[in-house]
Amino acid sequence: MPANRFGHATLTAPQLKMIPEVIGIAVVLGFNALRLRDPMRTPGFIAMALIAAAVFVKLGSRLGESL
Protein backbone atom coordinates (compact mmCIF):
# COMPACT_ATOMS: atom_id res chain seq x y z
CA MET A 1 0.00 0.00 0.00
CA PRO A 2 1.33 3.44 -0.83
CA ALA A 3 0.31 4.80 2.57
CA ASN A 4 2.41 2.15 4.29
CA ARG A 5 5.40 3.04 2.13
CA PHE A 6 5.10 6.71 3.05
CA GLY A 7 4.21 6.05 6.67
CA HIS A 8 7.03 3.58 7.18
CA ALA A 9 9.48 6.46 6.83
CA THR A 10 8.24 7.91 10.15
CA LEU A 11 6.36 5.08 11.91
CA THR A 12 7.16 1.44 12.55
CA ALA A 13 5.12 -1.41 11.09
CA PRO A 14 3.27 -2.18 14.37
CA GLN A 15 2.38 1.50 14.74
CA LEU A 16 1.04 1.60 11.19
CA LYS A 17 -0.97 -1.55 11.87
CA MET A 18 -2.59 -0.03 14.97
CA ILE A 19 -3.95 3.05 13.19
CA PRO A 20 -6.48 1.22 10.93
CA GLU A 21 -7.63 -0.88 13.88
CA VAL A 22 -8.48 2.24 15.88
CA ILE A 23 -10.21 3.83 12.89
CA GLY A 24 -12.25 0.66 12.32
CA ILE A 25 -13.39 0.47 15.93
CA ALA A 26 -14.35 4.15 15.90
CA VAL A 27 -16.40 3.64 12.71
CA VAL A 28 -18.23 0.63 14.18
CA LEU A 29 -19.03 2.49 17.40
CA GLY A 30 -20.19 5.53 15.44
CA PHE A 31 -22.40 3.36 13.22
CA ASN A 32 -23.90 1.67 16.27
CA ALA A 33 -24.65 5.00 17.93
CA LEU A 34 -25.98 6.86 14.88
CA ARG A 35 -27.62 4.27 12.68
CA LEU A 36 -28.67 1.54 15.11
CA ARG A 37 -29.43 3.99 17.94
CA ASP A 38 -27.45 1.86 20.38
CA PRO A 39 -25.70 4.29 22.72
CA MET A 40 -22.32 3.41 24.15
CA ARG A 41 -22.48 2.16 27.73
CA THR A 42 -19.91 2.16 30.53
CA PRO A 43 -18.04 -0.95 29.27
CA GLY A 44 -17.76 0.70 25.87
CA PHE A 45 -16.27 3.83 27.40
CA ILE A 46 -13.82 1.73 29.40
CA ALA A 47 -12.84 -0.20 26.27
CA MET A 48 -12.27 3.01 24.30
CA ALA A 49 -10.17 4.42 27.16
CA LEU A 50 -8.02 1.29 27.13
CA ILE A 51 -7.63 1.48 23.35
CA ALA A 52 -6.67 5.15 23.61
CA ALA A 53 -4.12 4.23 26.29
CA ALA A 54 -2.68 1.55 24.02
CA VAL A 55 -2.37 4.02 21.16
CA PHE A 56 -0.68 6.52 23.46
CA VAL A 57 1.78 3.90 24.69
CA LYS A 58 2.54 2.68 21.17
CA LEU A 59 2.74 6.11 19.51
CA GLY A 60 3.61 8.18 22.58
CA SER A 61 7.11 9.22 21.58
CA ARG A 62 6.03 10.14 18.05
CA LEU A 63 2.69 11.86 18.64
CA GLY A 64 4.16 15.32 18.53
CA GLU A 65 6.67 14.57 15.80
CA SER A 66 4.83 12.85 12.97
CA LEU A 67 1.07 12.87 13.54
PDB file of N, CA and C in Angstrom:
ATOM      1  N   MET A   1       0.841  -1.187   0.000  1.00  0.00           N
ATOM      2  CA  MET A   1       0.000   0.000   0.000  1.00  0.00           C
ATOM      3  C   MET A   1       0.874   1.233   0.000  1.00  0.00           C
ATOM      4  N   PRO A   2       0.523   2.220  -0.795  1.00  0.00           N
ATOM      5  CA  PRO A   2       1.331   3.439  -0.827  1.00  0.00           C
ATOM      6  C   PRO A   2       1.397   4.134   0.531  1.00  0.00           C
ATOM      7  N   ALA A   3       0.303   4.130   1.275  1.00  0.00           N
ATOM      8  CA  ALA A   3       0.313   4.804   2.573  1.00  0.00           C
ATOM      9  C   ALA A   3       1.322   4.146   3.510  1.00  0.00           C
ATOM     10  N   ASN A   4       1.439   2.825   3.447  1.00  0.00           N
ATOM     11  CA  ASN A   4       2.415   2.147   4.290  1.00  0.00           C
ATOM     12  C   ASN A   4       3.834   2.490   3.879  1.00  0.00           C
ATOM     13  N   ARG A   5       4.064   2.660   2.577  1.00  0.00           N
ATOM     14  CA  ARG A   5       5.401   3.042   2.129  1.00  0.00           C
ATOM     15  C   ARG A   5       5.773   4.422   2.637  1.00  0.00           C
ATOM     16  N   PHE A   6       4.821   5.359   2.574  1.00  0.00           N
ATOM     17  CA  PHE A   6       5.095   6.709   3.048  1.00  0.00           C
ATOM     18  C   PHE A   6       5.154   6.745   4.571  1.00  0.00           C
ATOM     19  N   GLY A   7       4.261   6.041   5.215  1.00  0.00           N
ATOM     20  CA  GLY A   7       4.209   6.048   6.671  1.00  0.00           C
ATOM     21  C   GLY A   7       5.393   5.344   7.302  1.00  0.00           C
ATOM     22  N   HIS A   8       5.930   4.343   6.612  1.00  0.00           N
ATOM     23  CA  HIS A   8       7.034   3.577   7.178  1.00  0.00           C
ATOM     24  C   HIS A   8       8.287   4.429   7.346  1.00  0.00           C
ATOM     25  N   ALA A   9       8.340   5.559   6.668  1.00  0.00           N
ATOM     26  CA  ALA A   9       9.479   6.460   6.830  1.00  0.00           C
ATOM     27  C   ALA A   9       9.490   7.091   8.217  1.00  0.00           C
ATOM     28  N   THR A  10       8.302   7.254   8.840  1.00  0.00           N
ATOM     29  CA  THR A  10       8.241   7.909  10.149  1.00  0.00           C
ATOM     30  C   THR A  10       7.718   7.001  11.257  1.00  0.00           C
ATOM     31  N   LEU A  11       6.940   5.974  10.912  1.00  0.00           N
ATOM     32  CA  LEU A  11       6.358   5.080  11.914  1.00  0.00           C
ATOM     33  C   LEU A  11       6.832   3.655  11.667  1.00  0.00           C
ATOM     34  N   THR A  12       6.787   2.845  12.707  1.00  0.00           N
ATOM     35  CA  THR A  12       7.160   1.441  12.550  1.00  0.00           C
ATOM     36  C   THR A  12       5.960   0.652  12.036  1.00  0.00           C
ATOM     37  N   ALA A  13       6.196  -0.573  11.615  1.00  0.00           N
ATOM     38  CA  ALA A  13       5.118  -1.412  11.094  1.00  0.00           C
ATOM     39  C   ALA A  13       4.020  -1.672  12.132  1.00  0.00           C
ATOM     40  N   PRO A  14       4.345  -1.995  13.387  1.00  0.00           N
ATOM     41  CA  PRO A  14       3.267  -2.180  14.373  1.00  0.00           C
ATOM     42  C   PRO A  14       2.456  -0.907  14.609  1.00  0.00           C
ATOM     43  N   GLN A  15       3.105   0.243  14.570  1.00  0.00           N
ATOM     44  CA  GLN A  15       2.381   1.501  14.742  1.00  0.00           C
ATOM     45  C   GLN A  15       1.432   1.733  13.569  1.00  0.00           C
ATOM     46  N   LEU A  16       1.901   1.450  12.360  1.00  0.00           N
ATOM     47  CA  LEU A  16       1.039   1.596  11.186  1.00  0.00           C
ATOM     48  C   LEU A  16      -0.135   0.624  11.240  1.00  0.00           C
ATOM     49  N   LYS A  17       0.086  -0.551  11.786  1.00  0.00           N
ATOM     50  CA  LYS A  17      -0.971  -1.554  11.872  1.00  0.00           C
ATOM     51  C   LYS A  17      -2.042  -1.152  12.883  1.00  0.00           C
ATOM     52  N   MET A  18      -1.650  -0.423  13.915  1.00  0.00           N
ATOM     53  CA  MET A  18      -2.585  -0.033  14.966  1.00  0.00           C
ATOM     54  C   MET A  18      -3.550   1.061  14.488  1.00  0.00           C
ATOM     55  N   ILE A  19      -3.124   1.929  13.627  1.00  0.00           N
ATOM     56  CA  ILE A  19      -3.947   3.055  13.188  1.00  0.00           C
ATOM     57  C   ILE A  19      -5.240   2.593  12.510  1.00  0.00           C
ATOM     58  N   PRO A  20      -5.214   1.670  11.523  1.00  0.00           N
ATOM     59  CA  PRO A  20      -6.484   1.221  10.929  1.00  0.00           C
ATOM     60  C   PRO A  20      -7.396   0.491  11.903  1.00  0.00           C
ATOM     61  N   GLU A  21      -6.807  -0.194  12.879  1.00  0.00           N
ATOM     62  CA  GLU A  21      -7.629  -0.878  13.880  1.00  0.00           C
ATOM     63  C   GLU A  21      -8.435   0.132  14.685  1.00  0.00           C
ATOM     64  N   VAL A  22      -7.794   1.197  15.103  1.00  0.00           N
ATOM     65  CA  VAL A  22      -8.479   2.236  15.884  1.00  0.00           C
ATOM     66  C   VAL A  22      -9.548   2.919  15.038  1.00  0.00           C
ATOM     67  N   ILE A  23      -9.229   3.199  13.788  1.00  0.00           N
ATOM     68  CA  ILE A  23     -10.209   3.835  12.893  1.00  0.00           C
ATOM     69  C   ILE A  23     -11.407   2.915  12.693  1.00  0.00           C
ATOM     70  N   GLY A  24     -11.157   1.615  12.502  1.00  0.00           N
ATOM     71  CA  GLY A  24     -12.249   0.660  12.317  1.00  0.00           C
ATOM     72  C   GLY A  24     -13.158   0.573  13.523  1.00  0.00           C
ATOM     73  N   ILE A  25     -12.571   0.528  14.710  1.00  0.00           N
ATOM     74  CA  ILE A  25     -13.387   0.467  15.930  1.00  0.00           C
ATOM     75  C   ILE A  25     -14.213   1.734  16.083  1.00  0.00           C
ATOM     76  N   ALA A  26     -13.616   2.879  15.793  1.00  0.00           N
ATOM     77  CA  ALA A  26     -14.352   4.146  15.898  1.00  0.00           C
ATOM     78  C   ALA A  26     -15.520   4.191  14.915  1.00  0.00           C
ATOM     79  N   VAL A  27     -15.323   3.664  13.713  1.00  0.00           N
ATOM     80  CA  VAL A  27     -16.395   3.641  12.714  1.00  0.00           C
ATOM     81  C   VAL A  27     -17.532   2.725  13.177  1.00  0.00           C
ATOM     82  N   VAL A  28     -17.197   1.562  13.697  1.00  0.00           N
ATOM     83  CA  VAL A  28     -18.234   0.632  14.177  1.00  0.00           C
ATOM     84  C   VAL A  28     -19.020   1.250  15.321  1.00  0.00           C
ATOM     85  N   LEU A  29     -18.332   1.861  16.282  1.00  0.00           N
ATOM     86  CA  LEU A  29     -19.026   2.492  17.405  1.00  0.00           C
ATOM     87  C   LEU A  29     -19.901   3.657  16.938  1.00  0.00           C
ATOM     88  N   GLY A  30     -19.391   4.429  15.992  1.00  0.00           N
ATOM     89  CA  GLY A  30     -20.188   5.529  15.441  1.00  0.00           C
ATOM     90  C   GLY A  30     -21.418   5.025  14.705  1.00  0.00           C
ATOM     91  N   PHE A  31     -21.261   3.962  13.929  1.00  0.00           N
ATOM     92  CA  PHE A  31     -22.395   3.365  13.219  1.00  0.00           C
ATOM     93  C   PHE A  31     -23.435   2.850  14.204  1.00  0.00           C
ATOM     94  N   ASN A  32     -22.966   2.175  15.259  1.00  0.00           N
ATOM     95  CA  ASN A  32     -23.902   1.672  16.273  1.00  0.00           C
ATOM     96  C   ASN A  32     -24.672   2.809  16.926  1.00  0.00           C
ATOM     97  N   ALA A  33     -23.999   3.885  17.237  1.00  0.00           N
ATOM     98  CA  ALA A  33     -24.651   5.000  17.927  1.00  0.00           C
ATOM     99  C   ALA A  33     -25.606   5.752  17.010  1.00  0.00           C
ATOM    100  N   LEU A  34     -25.173   6.017  15.767  1.00  0.00           N
ATOM    101  CA  LEU A  34     -25.979   6.865  14.881  1.00  0.00           C
ATOM    102  C   LEU A  34     -27.051   6.093  14.119  1.00  0.00           C
ATOM    103  N   ARG A  35     -26.682   4.985  13.544  1.00  0.00           N
ATOM    104  CA  ARG A  35     -27.622   4.267  12.683  1.00  0.00           C
ATOM    105  C   ARG A  35     -28.511   3.288  13.457  1.00  0.00           C
ATOM    106  N   LEU A  36     -27.921   2.552  14.376  1.00  0.00           N
ATOM    107  CA  LEU A  36     -28.669   1.538  15.110  1.00  0.00           C
ATOM    108  C   LEU A  36     -29.272   2.083  16.401  1.00  0.00           C
ATOM    109  N   ARG A  37     -28.926   3.321  16.724  1.00  0.00           N
ATOM    110  CA  ARG A  37     -29.435   3.988  17.942  1.00  0.00           C
ATOM    111  C   ARG A  37     -29.128   3.168  19.196  1.00  0.00           C
ATOM    112  N   ASP A  38     -27.919   2.635  19.233  1.00  0.00           N
ATOM    113  CA  ASP A  38     -27.453   1.858  20.382  1.00  0.00           C
ATOM    114  C   ASP A  38     -26.354   2.656  21.064  1.00  0.00           C
ATOM    115  N   PRO A  39     -26.707   3.427  22.081  1.00  0.00           N
ATOM    116  CA  PRO A  39     -25.699   4.289  22.716  1.00  0.00           C
ATOM    117  C   PRO A  39     -24.614   3.472  23.411  1.00  0.00           C
ATOM    118  N   MET A  40     -23.437   4.074  23.506  1.00  0.00           N
ATOM    119  CA  MET A  40     -22.324   3.410  24.154  1.00  0.00           C
ATOM    120  C   MET A  40     -22.534   3.426  25.663  1.00  0.00           C
ATOM    121  N   ARG A  41     -22.303   2.295  26.280  1.00  0.00           N
ATOM    122  CA  ARG A  41     -22.480   2.163  27.728  1.00  0.00           C
ATOM    123  C   ARG A  41     -21.124   2.201  28.423  1.00  0.00           C
ATOM    124  N   THR A  42     -21.133   2.059  29.734  1.00  0.00           N
ATOM    125  CA  THR A  42     -19.905   2.156  30.530  1.00  0.00           C
ATOM    126  C   THR A  42     -18.817   1.192  30.054  1.00  0.00           C
ATOM    127  N   PRO A  43     -19.117  -0.075  29.766  1.00  0.00           N
ATOM    128  CA  PRO A  43     -18.038  -0.953  29.274  1.00  0.00           C
ATOM    129  C   PRO A  43     -17.437  -0.459  27.954  1.00  0.00           C
ATOM    130  N   GLY A  44     -18.265   0.142  27.124  1.00  0.00           N
ATOM    131  CA  GLY A  44     -17.757   0.698  25.872  1.00  0.00           C
ATOM    132  C   GLY A  44     -16.807   1.858  26.109  1.00  0.00           C
ATOM    133  N   PHE A  45     -17.157   2.712  27.064  1.00  0.00           N
ATOM    134  CA  PHE A  45     -16.271   3.831  27.398  1.00  0.00           C
ATOM    135  C   PHE A  45     -14.957   3.335  27.982  1.00  0.00           C
ATOM    136  N   ILE A  46     -15.045   2.301  28.819  1.00  0.00           N
ATOM    137  CA  ILE A  46     -13.822   1.732  29.398  1.00  0.00           C
ATOM    138  C   ILE A  46     -12.958   1.116  28.297  1.00  0.00           C
ATOM    139  N   ALA A  47     -13.585   0.412  27.372  1.00  0.00           N
ATOM    140  CA  ALA A  47     -12.843  -0.202  26.274  1.00  0.00           C
ATOM    141  C   ALA A  47     -12.163   0.858  25.414  1.00  0.00           C
ATOM    142  N   MET A  48     -12.874   1.944  25.116  1.00  0.00           N
ATOM    143  CA  MET A  48     -12.275   3.011  24.305  1.00  0.00           C
ATOM    144  C   MET A  48     -11.130   3.683  25.061  1.00  0.00           C
ATOM    145  N   ALA A  49     -11.260   3.836  26.365  1.00  0.00           N
ATOM    146  CA  ALA A  49     -10.175   4.422  27.159  1.00  0.00           C
ATOM    147  C   ALA A  49      -8.937   3.526  27.125  1.00  0.00           C
ATOM    148  N   LEU A  50      -9.144   2.218  27.203  1.00  0.00           N
ATOM    149  CA  LEU A  50      -8.017   1.288  27.132  1.00  0.00           C
ATOM    150  C   LEU A  50      -7.366   1.302  25.750  1.00  0.00           C
ATOM    151  N   ILE A  51      -8.180   1.405  24.700  1.00  0.00           N
ATOM    152  CA  ILE A  51      -7.631   1.482  23.345  1.00  0.00           C
ATOM    153  C   ILE A  51      -6.846   2.775  23.174  1.00  0.00           C
ATOM    154  N   ALA A  52      -7.384   3.877  23.688  1.00  0.00           N
ATOM    155  CA  ALA A  52      -6.672   5.154  23.611  1.00  0.00           C
ATOM    156  C   ALA A  52      -5.355   5.079  24.382  1.00  0.00           C
ATOM    157  N   ALA A  53      -5.359   4.402  25.519  1.00  0.00           N
ATOM    158  CA  ALA A  53      -4.124   4.232  26.287  1.00  0.00           C
ATOM    159  C   ALA A  53      -3.107   3.406  25.500  1.00  0.00           C
ATOM    160  N   ALA A  54      -3.578   2.368  24.826  1.00  0.00           N
ATOM    161  CA  ALA A  54      -2.677   1.546  24.016  1.00  0.00           C
ATOM    162  C   ALA A  54      -2.068   2.351  22.878  1.00  0.00           C
ATOM    163  N   VAL A  55      -2.879   3.175  22.236  1.00  0.00           N
ATOM    164  CA  VAL A  55      -2.366   4.017  21.158  1.00  0.00           C
ATOM    165  C   VAL A  55      -1.337   4.996  21.714  1.00  0.00           C
ATOM    166  N   PHE A  56      -1.628   5.580  22.868  1.00  0.00           N
ATOM    167  CA  PHE A  56      -0.680   6.521  23.460  1.00  0.00           C
ATOM    168  C   PHE A  56       0.636   5.831  23.804  1.00  0.00           C
ATOM    169  N   VAL A  57       0.564   4.623  24.345  1.00  0.00           N
ATOM    170  CA  VAL A  57       1.778   3.896  24.691  1.00  0.00           C
ATOM    171  C   VAL A  57       2.566   3.557  23.429  1.00  0.00           C
ATOM    172  N   LYS A  58       1.858   3.112  22.399  1.00  0.00           N
ATOM    173  CA  LYS A  58       2.537   2.684  21.174  1.00  0.00           C
ATOM    174  C   LYS A  58       3.083   3.867  20.372  1.00  0.00           C
ATOM    175  N   LEU A  59       2.330   4.950  20.310  1.00  0.00           N
ATOM    176  CA  LEU A  59       2.739   6.106  19.506  1.00  0.00           C
ATOM    177  C   LEU A  59       3.249   7.262  20.355  1.00  0.00           C
ATOM    178  N   GLY A  60       3.321   7.088  21.659  1.00  0.00           N
ATOM    179  CA  GLY A  60       3.615   8.176  22.583  1.00  0.00           C
ATOM    180  C   GLY A  60       4.800   9.033  22.213  1.00  0.00           C
ATOM    181  N   SER A  61       5.909   8.432  21.862  1.00  0.00           N
ATOM    182  CA  SER A  61       7.110   9.219  21.579  1.00  0.00           C
ATOM    183  C   SER A  61       7.009   9.947  20.247  1.00  0.00           C
ATOM    184  N   ARG A  62       6.112   9.532  19.372  1.00  0.00           N
ATOM    185  CA  ARG A  62       6.026  10.137  18.048  1.00  0.00           C
ATOM    186  C   ARG A  62       4.784  10.984  17.834  1.00  0.00           C
ATOM    187  N   LEU A  63       3.940  11.098  18.825  1.00  0.00           N
ATOM    188  CA  LEU A  63       2.686  11.858  18.637  1.00  0.00           C
ATOM    189  C   LEU A  63       2.951  13.285  18.228  1.00  0.00           C
ATOM    190  N   GLY A  64       3.880  13.935  18.860  1.00  0.00           N
ATOM    191  CA  GLY A  64       4.164  15.322  18.532  1.00  0.00           C
ATOM    192  C   GLY A  64       4.994  15.485  17.277  1.00  0.00           C
ATOM    193  N   GLU A  65       5.752  14.465  16.914  1.00  0.00           N
ATOM    194  CA  GLU A  65       6.669  14.572  15.796  1.00  0.00           C
ATOM    195  C   GLU A  65       6.017  14.349  14.438  1.00  0.00           C
ATOM    196  N   SER A  66       5.249  13.248  14.307  1.00  0.00           N
ATOM    197  CA  SER A  66       4.830  12.845  12.967  1.00  0.00           C
ATOM    198  C   SER A  66       3.342  12.866  12.730  1.00  0.00           C
ATOM    199  N   LEU A  67       2.523  12.909  13.773  1.00  0.00           N
ATOM    200  CA  LEU A  67       1.072  12.865  13.539  1.00  0.00           C
ATOM    201  C   LEU A  67       0.446  14.207  13.691  1.00  0.00           C
TER     202      LEU A  67
END
